[in-house]
Amino acid sequence: MPLSSVRSCSLNRFGERTDALHRALDELGQVNTRLSAAKAEAEAANLSKTKFLAAVSHDLLQPLNAARLFASALETHALPDASQALVGHIGRSLKDVEGLLGTLVDISRLDAGVLHADKAPFAVSTLLDALAEEYRQVAGVRGLALHYVPSSTVIESDLALLARVIRNFLSNAVRYTEHGRVLLGCRRRRDGLEIMVGDTGPGIPEQQREAIFLEFRRANQVNSAHSRGLGLGLAIVDRISTMLEQPVSLTSRPGEGALFSITVPYAEAVLTTALLKKSDPSSPEEIDPLHGCVVWVIDDDLAILEGMQALLGS
């Protein structure tokens, strides 16, 4: 075959392959375009559902709040033992539903961006003293001891959001610890105050320590009798930590327990001095801050008002 014919055939085959490659690239581009559109549509739908759930959170939780108030008021009435037990079961079931729904609402509000940090200086004892007293009783019911090391350090954070983080740490410590104790305390670091919650539970294997901060994930060592929840607590902690720009850490040894902590920046020196003077426990206002005050309970829902009246009136 002449050399010119060979060259012509080679050029034809090269042209055909080039055209085929161009067609394949065009088809791949169209597929990518369709995938991008589908992804954008899915993300928009997910964000729409998230914003809807965040917007209707008040309406979702109001009936449950009212039902819990009526159940609590009914527990104070003189009832037969069997009826008293039933009322107790109703109250606990409503509390579980409210907790699960509240968790879903919280993570939806965080994802939708409707929650914003409101940072201010406060003495850490304002938060931890109350939580220690509350969870000392919760731990006692489970046969656990809660060891609390108080601190008067003044920090700067969002009190409500930080409380949510520490509550999650304490709730998990009590839930997953079968024997021993729970520790709540602080340690001064160069970059802030490290608020710590430790336990003598089963610990968390290294391969699970990142996964448990994802949605609907929990450690494998779950006692079914105390494992109610959706696995969203630490996912909420992770989002709040990111919002506050206050890092969370985890240290654990399987079989020896776990230690969760969050590091919160110190307040400025001038604000610290003013707050410490204001919180002087020797002042009458600190000893009995509600003395001589009238407390108003205000709500726009009739069922809530009636429930609070029944509960407080009893």
Protein backbone atom coordinates (compact mmCIF):
# COMPACT_ATOMS: atom_id res chain seq x y z
CA MET A 1 0.00 0.00 0.00
CA PRO A 2 1.38 3.40 -0.94
CA LEU A 3 2.60 5.56 1.94
CA SER A 4 0.07 8.27 1.11
CA SER A 5 -2.81 5.78 1.49
CA VAL A 6 -1.51 4.64 4.86
CA ARG A 7 -1.33 8.21 6.05
CA SER A 8 -4.87 8.89 4.81
CA CYS A 9 -6.29 5.86 6.68
CA SER A 10 -4.46 6.84 9.85
CA LEU A 11 -5.81 10.39 9.63
CA ASN A 12 -9.34 9.07 9.08
CA ARG A 13 -9.14 6.78 12.09
CA PHE A 14 -7.69 9.63 14.20
CA GLY A 15 -10.54 11.90 13.09
CA GLU A 16 -13.13 9.29 13.97
CA ARG A 17 -11.64 8.78 17.42
CA THR A 18 -11.48 12.52 17.97
CA ASP A 19 -15.14 12.90 17.00
CA ALA A 20 -16.09 10.03 19.31
CA LEU A 21 -14.15 11.63 22.16
CA HIS A 22 -15.87 14.96 21.60
CA ARG A 23 -19.27 13.26 21.61
CA ALA A 24 -18.40 11.43 24.85
CA LEU A 25 -17.24 14.70 26.43
CA ASP A 26 -20.45 16.43 25.36
CA GLU A 27 -22.57 13.64 26.85
CA LEU A 28 -20.52 13.74 30.06
CA GLY A 29 -21.02 17.49 30.26
CA GLN A 30 -24.78 17.08 29.88
CA VAL A 31 -24.83 14.40 32.61
CA ASN A 32 -22.84 16.68 34.94
CA THR A 33 -25.24 19.53 34.23
CA ARG A 34 -28.24 17.34 35.07
CA LEU A 35 -26.54 16.05 38.23
CA SER A 36 -25.72 19.60 39.35
CA ALA A 37 -29.31 20.68 38.77
CA ALA A 38 -30.65 17.67 40.70
CA LYS A 39 -28.22 18.33 43.57
CA ALA A 40 -29.22 22.01 43.72
CA GLU A 41 -32.90 21.04 43.70
CA ALA A 42 -32.38 18.50 46.50
CA GLU A 43 -30.42 20.99 48.60
CA ALA A 44 -33.11 23.64 48.09
CA ALA A 45 -35.83 21.18 49.12
CA ASN A 46 -33.86 20.12 52.19
CA LEU A 47 -33.24 23.75 53.19
CA SER A 48 -36.93 24.53 52.68
CA LYS A 49 -37.94 21.66 54.99
CA THR A 50 -35.32 22.73 57.54
CA LYS A 51 -36.55 26.33 57.54
CA PHE A 52 -40.17 25.17 57.82
CA LEU A 53 -39.42 22.97 60.85
CA ALA A 54 -37.46 25.79 62.46
CA ALA A 55 -40.28 28.26 61.83
CA VAL A 56 -43.06 26.10 63.28
CA SER A 57 -41.08 24.90 66.30
CA HIS A 58 -43.16 26.98 68.72
CA ASP A 59 -46.43 25.58 67.38
CA LEU A 60 -45.07 22.02 67.49
CA LEU A 61 -43.95 22.21 71.10
CA GLN A 62 -46.81 24.24 72.61
CA PRO A 63 -49.35 21.37 72.87
CA LEU A 64 -46.70 19.12 74.42
CA ASN A 65 -45.76 21.79 76.93
CA ALA A 66 -49.40 22.19 77.92
CA ALA A 67 -49.91 18.42 78.25
CA ARG A 68 -46.84 18.12 80.49
CA LEU A 69 -48.08 20.94 82.72
CA PHE A 70 -51.46 19.25 83.17
CA ALA A 71 -49.78 15.91 83.90
CA SER A 72 -47.49 17.54 86.47
CA ALA A 73 -50.46 19.25 88.12
CA LEU A 74 -52.39 15.97 88.20
CA GLU A 75 -49.50 14.25 90.02
CA THR A 76 -50.05 16.57 93.00
CA HIS A 77 -53.66 15.41 93.42
CA ALA A 78 -54.70 12.64 95.77
CA LEU A 79 -55.13 9.69 93.41
CA PRO A 80 -55.26 5.91 93.84
CA ASP A 81 -51.84 4.31 93.57
CA ALA A 82 -52.62 2.73 90.20
CA SER A 83 -53.81 6.06 88.79
CA GLN A 84 -50.78 7.86 90.23
CA ALA A 85 -48.48 5.39 88.46
CA LEU A 86 -50.31 5.92 85.17
CA VAL A 87 -50.02 9.69 85.47
CA GLY A 88 -46.30 9.28 86.11
CA HIS A 89 -45.91 7.15 82.98
CA ILE A 90 -47.83 9.72 80.93
CA GLY A 91 -45.61 12.52 82.20
CA ARG A 92 -42.39 10.63 81.40
CA SER A 93 -43.64 9.66 77.93
CA LEU A 94 -44.56 13.26 77.16
CA LYS A 95 -41.15 14.36 78.39
CA ASP A 96 -39.46 11.87 76.06
CA VAL A 97 -41.50 13.03 73.06
CA GLU A 98 -40.84 16.67 73.90
CA GLY A 99 -37.12 15.97 74.22
CA LEU A 100 -36.89 14.14 70.89
CA LEU A 101 -38.94 16.75 69.03
CA GLY A 102 -37.02 19.56 70.71
CA THR A 103 -33.74 18.02 69.56
CA LEU A 104 -34.96 17.82 65.95
CA VAL A 105 -36.14 21.42 66.12
CA ASP A 106 -32.83 22.57 67.58
CA ILE A 107 -30.72 20.99 64.87
CA SER A 108 -33.11 22.35 62.20
CA ARG A 109 -32.77 25.85 63.62
CA LEU A 110 -28.99 25.53 63.65
CA ASP A 111 -28.91 24.27 60.05
CA ALA A 112 -31.32 26.96 58.90
CA GLY A 113 -29.14 29.68 60.44
CA VAL A 114 -31.94 31.16 62.55
CA LEU A 115 -29.95 30.77 65.77
CA HIS A 116 -27.24 33.34 66.44
CA ALA A 117 -24.72 33.53 69.26
CA ASP A 118 -25.29 36.29 71.82
CA LYS A 119 -21.99 36.37 73.67
CA ALA A 120 -21.63 38.18 76.98
CA PRO A 121 -19.39 37.91 80.05
CA PHE A 122 -20.62 35.90 83.06
CA ALA A 123 -19.18 33.94 85.95
CA VAL A 124 -18.98 30.28 85.01
CA SER A 125 -20.42 29.41 88.43
CA THR A 126 -23.69 30.98 87.27
CA LEU A 127 -24.05 28.09 84.87
CA LEU A 128 -22.22 25.20 86.50
CA ASP A 129 -23.62 25.53 90.04
CA ALA A 130 -27.17 25.04 88.78
CA LEU A 131 -26.23 22.19 86.41
CA ALA A 132 -24.29 20.42 89.16
CA GLU A 133 -27.26 20.51 91.51
CA GLU A 134 -29.64 19.31 88.80
CA TYR A 135 -27.48 16.44 87.56
CA ARG A 136 -26.43 15.39 91.06
CA GLN A 137 -30.03 14.31 91.54
CA VAL A 138 -30.23 12.75 88.07
CA ALA A 139 -27.03 10.79 88.68
CA GLY A 140 -28.25 9.72 92.11
CA VAL A 141 -31.29 8.06 90.59
CA ARG A 142 -28.90 5.95 88.48
CA GLY A 143 -26.79 5.10 91.53
CA LEU A 144 -23.92 7.36 90.42
CA ALA A 145 -22.01 10.04 92.31
CA LEU A 146 -21.45 13.47 90.75
CA HIS A 147 -18.22 15.18 91.79
CA TYR A 148 -18.27 18.93 91.12
CA VAL A 149 -15.26 21.24 91.33
CA PRO A 150 -16.63 24.84 91.37
CA SER A 151 -14.94 27.82 89.73
CA SER A 152 -15.56 31.58 89.91
CA THR A 153 -13.77 32.36 86.63
CA VAL A 154 -15.50 34.89 84.39
CA ILE A 155 -15.82 33.80 80.78
CA GLU A 156 -17.42 35.20 77.62
CA SER A 157 -19.88 33.08 75.68
CA ASP A 158 -23.56 32.59 74.91
CA LEU A 159 -24.96 31.35 78.23
CA ALA A 160 -27.91 29.44 76.74
CA LEU A 161 -25.91 27.75 73.96
CA LEU A 162 -23.03 26.87 76.28
CA ALA A 163 -25.55 25.40 78.73
CA ARG A 164 -26.85 23.19 75.93
CA VAL A 165 -23.34 21.86 75.29
CA ILE A 166 -22.65 21.07 78.96
CA ARG A 167 -26.10 19.50 79.37
CA ASN A 168 -25.39 17.15 76.48
CA PHE A 169 -22.06 16.17 78.03
CA LEU A 170 -23.69 15.52 81.42
CA SER A 171 -26.69 13.67 79.97
CA ASN A 172 -24.45 11.34 77.97
CA ALA A 173 -22.16 10.75 80.96
CA VAL A 174 -25.09 9.75 83.17
CA ARG A 175 -26.80 7.72 80.45
CA TYR A 176 -23.84 5.56 79.49
CA THR A 177 -22.17 5.12 82.89
CA GLU A 178 -23.34 2.06 84.77
CA HIS A 179 -21.11 2.31 87.84
CA GLY A 180 -18.86 4.90 89.43
CA ARG A 181 -19.08 8.66 89.10
CA VAL A 182 -19.36 11.69 86.86
CA LEU A 183 -17.01 14.66 87.12
CA LEU A 184 -17.88 18.29 86.34
CA GLY A 185 -15.12 20.85 86.64
CA CYS A 186 -12.84 23.39 84.97
CA ARG A 187 -9.18 23.77 84.17
CA ARG A 188 -7.42 27.01 83.32
CA ARG A 189 -5.67 26.99 79.96
CA ARG A 190 -3.63 29.67 78.22
CA ASP A 191 -6.33 30.30 75.60
CA GLY A 192 -9.38 29.97 77.88
CA LEU A 193 -11.22 28.00 80.53
CA GLU A 194 -11.68 24.32 79.71
CA ILE A 195 -15.04 23.10 81.06
CA MET A 196 -14.87 19.33 81.44
CA VAL A 197 -17.31 16.46 82.00
CA GLY A 198 -15.75 13.07 82.68
CA ASP A 199 -17.19 9.67 83.53
CA THR A 200 -16.20 6.13 84.46
CA GLY A 201 -18.27 4.59 81.67
CA PRO A 202 -17.27 2.15 78.92
CA GLY A 203 -15.27 4.73 76.97
CA ILE A 204 -15.32 5.36 73.23
CA PRO A 205 -13.12 3.42 70.76
CA GLU A 206 -10.79 5.60 68.72
CA GLN A 207 -12.42 4.66 65.41
CA GLN A 208 -15.79 6.03 66.66
CA ARG A 209 -14.62 9.36 68.09
CA GLU A 210 -15.29 11.37 64.95
CA ALA A 211 -18.44 9.51 63.89
CA ILE A 212 -20.32 10.18 67.15
CA PHE A 213 -20.39 13.91 66.29
CA LEU A 214 -22.37 13.14 63.13
CA GLU A 215 -26.18 13.00 62.93
CA PHE A 216 -27.90 9.81 64.07
CA ARG A 217 -24.66 8.23 65.28
CA ARG A 218 -24.05 6.79 68.74
CA ALA A 219 -21.32 4.69 70.30
CA ASN A 220 -21.84 0.95 70.10
CA GLN A 221 -21.71 0.41 73.86
CA VAL A 222 -25.30 1.49 74.37
CA ASN A 223 -27.38 0.05 77.19
CA SER A 224 -30.85 -0.29 75.68
CA ALA A 225 -32.46 0.59 79.00
CA HIS A 226 -30.94 4.07 78.96
CA SER A 227 -30.34 4.80 75.28
CA ARG A 228 -33.39 6.77 74.25
CA GLY A 229 -32.51 9.42 71.73
CA LEU A 230 -31.80 10.03 68.07
CA GLY A 231 -28.05 10.34 68.26
CA LEU A 232 -28.25 14.09 67.62
CA GLY A 233 -26.91 15.43 70.93
CA LEU A 234 -23.25 15.56 69.93
CA ALA A 235 -24.16 16.72 66.41
CA ILE A 236 -25.81 19.74 68.07
CA VAL A 237 -22.73 20.19 70.28
CA ASP A 238 -20.52 20.23 67.17
CA ARG A 239 -22.67 22.87 65.46
CA ILE A 240 -22.84 25.07 68.57
CA SER A 241 -19.09 24.76 69.06
CA THR A 242 -18.53 25.91 65.47
CA MET A 243 -20.97 28.81 65.88
CA LEU A 244 -19.34 29.96 69.12
CA GLU A 245 -15.81 29.34 67.77
CA GLN A 246 -15.10 27.49 71.02
CA PRO A 247 -13.49 24.07 70.38
CA VAL A 248 -14.72 20.78 71.79
CA SER A 249 -12.35 17.92 72.56
CA LEU A 250 -12.69 14.28 73.55
CA THR A 251 -10.29 12.04 75.44
CA SER A 252 -11.19 8.43 76.14
CA ARG A 253 -9.84 5.00 76.96
CA PRO A 254 -12.10 2.03 76.26
CA GLY A 255 -13.16 0.47 79.55
CA GLU A 256 -11.95 3.45 81.61
CA GLY A 257 -14.33 6.27 80.70
CA ALA A 258 -14.47 9.42 78.58
CA LEU A 259 -13.75 13.12 79.07
CA PHE A 260 -15.55 15.73 76.94
CA SER A 261 -14.62 19.39 77.19
CA ILE A 262 -15.15 22.80 75.61
CA THR A 263 -12.68 25.68 75.88
CA VAL A 264 -14.26 29.11 76.44
CA PRO A 265 -12.33 32.41 76.30
CA TYR A 266 -11.85 34.50 79.43
CA ALA A 267 -13.73 37.78 79.77
CA GLU A 268 -11.80 41.04 79.79
CA ALA A 269 -10.21 41.98 83.11
CA VAL A 270 -12.40 45.06 83.68
CA LEU A 271 -15.62 43.10 83.11
CA THR A 272 -14.35 40.28 85.33
CA THR A 273 -13.80 42.61 88.30
CA ALA A 274 -17.26 44.19 87.90
CA LEU A 275 -19.02 40.83 87.69
CA LEU A 276 -17.20 39.39 90.70
CA LYS A 277 -18.27 42.39 92.81
CA LYS A 278 -21.83 42.04 91.58
CA SER A 279 -21.92 38.35 92.53
CA ASP A 280 -20.77 38.92 96.13
CA PRO A 281 -22.61 36.16 98.06
CA SER A 282 -22.74 38.30 101.20
CA SER A 283 -25.22 40.74 99.65
CA PRO A 284 -28.94 40.26 100.52
CA GLU A 285 -29.83 40.20 96.82
CA GLU A 286 -27.58 37.18 96.24
CA ILE A 287 -28.83 35.30 99.31
CA ASP A 288 -32.49 35.66 98.30
CA PRO A 289 -32.71 37.30 94.84
CA LEU A 290 -36.52 36.88 94.61
CA HIS A 291 -37.34 38.27 98.05
CA GLY A 292 -40.22 40.73 97.80
CA CYS A 293 -40.63 40.21 94.05
CA VAL A 294 -43.76 39.35 92.10
CA VAL A 295 -43.18 36.70 89.46
CA TRP A 296 -45.35 36.91 86.33
CA VAL A 297 -45.95 33.99 83.97
CA ILE A 298 -47.01 35.31 80.57
CA ASP A 299 -48.10 33.30 77.55
CA ASP A 300 -50.49 33.74 74.63
CA ASP A 301 -51.68 30.13 74.68
CA LEU A 302 -54.75 29.43 76.81
CA ALA A 303 -53.81 25.78 77.42
CA ILE A 304 -50.37 26.82 78.70
CA LEU A 305 -51.92 29.40 81.01
CA GLU A 306 -54.41 26.92 82.42
CA GLY A 307 -51.70 24.31 82.85
CA MET A 308 -49.41 26.72 84.70
CA GLN A 309 -52.30 27.89 86.88
CA ALA A 310 -53.15 24.28 87.77
CA LEU A 311 -49.51 23.42 88.50
CA LEU A 312 -48.61 26.52 90.52
CA GLY A 313 -51.96 26.61 92.27
CA SER A 314 -51.39 23.13 93.65
